[in-house]
Structures are given as structure tokens and as C-alpha cells.
């Protein structure tokens, strides 16, 4: 971990690793952008931006639990869930195998017997 990240985390007395002004749980975007940029420079990574973290969070959260769509949309400040769907819903790496397995299980399952009348 770069020295500046370690120093920021050790100096923080807040419950959040990214506290903002006046005790808010979030730091200003410009501060996050500057720290993230410094970390990327330190690690020799190019082409990533702070917005990449936002996109990654939403994508992973939705992949883990699609039922949280409305909550994730609200956290991201979107006016509608359609915005979240448009920008953050992607097929996961193993989607074809997972969906195929689910469909095969459904199609090969024996029908449940009808209750006797």
C-alpha cells in the first residue's frame, strides 16, 4: 500500500476510510480523484478513473444480488432504475454456463404429481 494511503487510513478516526468534511461519510470527489490518481501513478496503472470504481461497485453488487437494483440505483443517485440498468447491467463471465445449468435443471426435472382429487 502506498505511504500516502497508509498515512490517510492511520490518521482517520472516523468509521469510514474515506470520511468527508463535517463528519459526513464521504470525502469530496476531487479528494478521491486526486488520491486515486496518485495511487494509480504509484502502481503504474493507466486508463482507470475514480468513476471506474463506481461502475465496478454497481456491476458487482447487481451481479451478486439483482434484487437490490432499486437500492443500488438510489445510492448512485439515478433518477430511475432504467438508468442503472442501461449503464451497469452486464452479462457475467460465466452467465452462459450458469443460465444453461439452470435451464437444464428445470427442463430435466420430473413434473410434480398432481394431488389426488
Foldseek 3Di string as FASTA:
>chain_A
DDPVLVVQQVPDPAPASAADPPRRNHHDPVVVFVVVVVVCVVVVHPDDTPVNVLLVVLQVVCVVPVVCLVVNCVVVVHPDSVVSCVRRHDQDPCNVVVVVVVVVCVVPDDDDDDDDD
